[in-house]
């Protein structure tokens, strides 16, 4: 069980790092106020789990 928790913590750290890199991606600073608000809303949706997994969207039938 502790191995699962350790893996989840590692995944969380990787996601935080990835999120940071996305924020620093070239072009982010040129987003309009409306675009930044949309990005913020999308992040909140992901945190709540309101999204469709890639596999569900593009997976084979």
C-alpha atoms as a PDB file:
ATOM      1  CA  UNK A   1       0.000   0.000   0.000  1.00  0.00           C
ATOM      2  CA  UNK A   2       2.805   2.420   0.823  1.00  0.00           C
ATOM      3  CA  UNK A   3       4.282   1.746  -2.626  1.00  0.00           C
ATOM      4  CA  UNK A   4       1.039   2.925  -4.201  1.00  0.00           C
ATOM      5  CA  UNK A   5       1.079   6.081  -2.088  1.00  0.00           C
ATOM      6  CA  UNK A   6       4.700   6.746  -3.040  1.00  0.00           C
ATOM      7  CA  UNK A   7       3.846   6.345  -6.723  1.00  0.00           C
ATOM      8  CA  UNK A   8       0.872   8.679  -6.392  1.00  0.00           C
ATOM      9  CA  UNK A   9       3.048  11.272  -4.666  1.00  0.00           C
ATOM     10  CA  UNK A  10       5.621  10.977  -7.451  1.00  0.00           C
ATOM     11  CA  UNK A  11       2.916  11.397 -10.088  1.00  0.00           C
ATOM     12  CA  UNK A  12       1.586  14.439  -8.234  1.00  0.00           C
ATOM     13  CA  UNK A  13       5.065  16.008  -8.196  1.00  0.00           C
ATOM     14  CA  UNK A  14       5.478  15.316 -11.910  1.00  0.00           C
ATOM     15  CA  UNK A  15       2.105  16.903 -12.647  1.00  0.00           C
ATOM     16  CA  UNK A  16       3.040  19.984 -10.628  1.00  0.00           C
ATOM     17  CA  UNK A  17       6.300  20.262 -12.575  1.00  0.00           C
ATOM     18  CA  UNK A  18       4.471  19.810 -15.868  1.00  0.00           C
ATOM     19  CA  UNK A  19       1.937  22.456 -14.913  1.00  0.00           C
ATOM     20  CA  UNK A  20       4.777  24.840 -14.119  1.00  0.00           C
ATOM     21  CA  UNK A  21       6.362  24.177 -17.500  1.00  0.00           C
ATOM     22  CA  UNK A  22       3.063  24.791 -19.277  1.00  0.00           C
ATOM     23  CA  UNK A  23       2.763  28.143 -17.493  1.00  0.00           C
ATOM     24  CA  UNK A  24       6.238  29.086 -18.651  1.00  0.00           C
ATOM     25  CA  UNK A  25       5.704  27.896 -22.218  1.00  0.00           C
ATOM     26  CA  UNK A  26       6.540  30.505 -24.829  1.00  0.00           C
ATOM     27  CA  UNK A  27       3.437  32.449 -25.676  1.00  0.00           C
ATOM     28  CA  UNK A  28       1.806  32.163 -22.266  1.00  0.00           C
ATOM     29  CA  UNK A  29       2.714  35.733 -21.437  1.00  0.00           C
ATOM     30  CA  UNK A  30       0.970  36.921 -24.595  1.00  0.00           C
ATOM     31  CA  UNK A  31      -2.387  35.384 -23.644  1.00  0.00           C
ATOM     32  CA  UNK A  32      -5.270  37.789 -23.375  1.00  0.00           C
ATOM     33  CA  UNK A  33      -7.129  38.251 -20.118  1.00  0.00           C
ATOM     34  CA  UNK A  34     -10.001  36.184 -21.538  1.00  0.00           C
ATOM     35  CA  UNK A  35      -7.630  33.356 -22.544  1.00  0.00           C
ATOM     36  CA  UNK A  36      -6.024  33.311 -19.103  1.00  0.00           C
ATOM     37  CA  UNK A  37      -9.458  33.092 -17.496  1.00  0.00           C
ATOM     38  CA  UNK A  38     -10.371  30.184 -19.779  1.00  0.00           C
ATOM     39  CA  UNK A  39      -7.141  28.411 -18.831  1.00  0.00           C
ATOM     40  CA  UNK A  40      -7.887  28.961 -15.140  1.00  0.00           C
ATOM     41  CA  UNK A  41     -11.370  27.478 -15.584  1.00  0.00           C
ATOM     42  CA  UNK A  42      -9.943  24.434 -17.364  1.00  0.00           C
ATOM     43  CA  UNK A  43      -7.494  23.836 -14.515  1.00  0.00           C
ATOM     44  CA  UNK A  44     -10.338  23.986 -12.011  1.00  0.00           C
ATOM     45  CA  UNK A  45     -12.321  21.481 -14.083  1.00  0.00           C
ATOM     46  CA  UNK A  46      -9.389  19.086 -14.126  1.00  0.00           C
ATOM     47  CA  UNK A  47      -8.946  19.432 -10.363  1.00  0.00           C
ATOM     48  CA  UNK A  48     -12.638  18.550  -9.908  1.00  0.00           C
ATOM     49  CA  UNK A  49     -12.326  15.631 -12.313  1.00  0.00           C
ATOM     50  CA  UNK A  50     -14.628  17.199 -14.914  1.00  0.00           C
ATOM     51  CA  UNK A  51     -12.871  15.928 -18.026  1.00  0.00           C
ATOM     52  CA  UNK A  52     -12.880  13.086 -20.509  1.00  0.00           C
ATOM     53  CA  UNK A  53      -9.852  10.812 -20.561  1.00  0.00           C
ATOM     54  CA  UNK A  54      -7.812  10.668 -23.753  1.00  0.00           C
ATOM     55  CA  UNK A  55      -8.505   6.956 -24.096  1.00  0.00           C
ATOM     56  CA  UNK A  56     -12.263   7.532 -23.843  1.00  0.00           C
ATOM     57  CA  UNK A  57     -12.142  10.236 -26.473  1.00  0.00           C
ATOM     58  CA  UNK A  58      -9.764   8.649 -28.986  1.00  0.00           C
ATOM     59  CA  UNK A  59      -9.731   4.998 -27.920  1.00  0.00           C
ATOM     60  CA  UNK A  60     -10.751   2.215 -30.209  1.00  0.00           C
ATOM     61  CA  UNK A  61     -14.333   0.995 -30.035  1.00  0.00           C
END
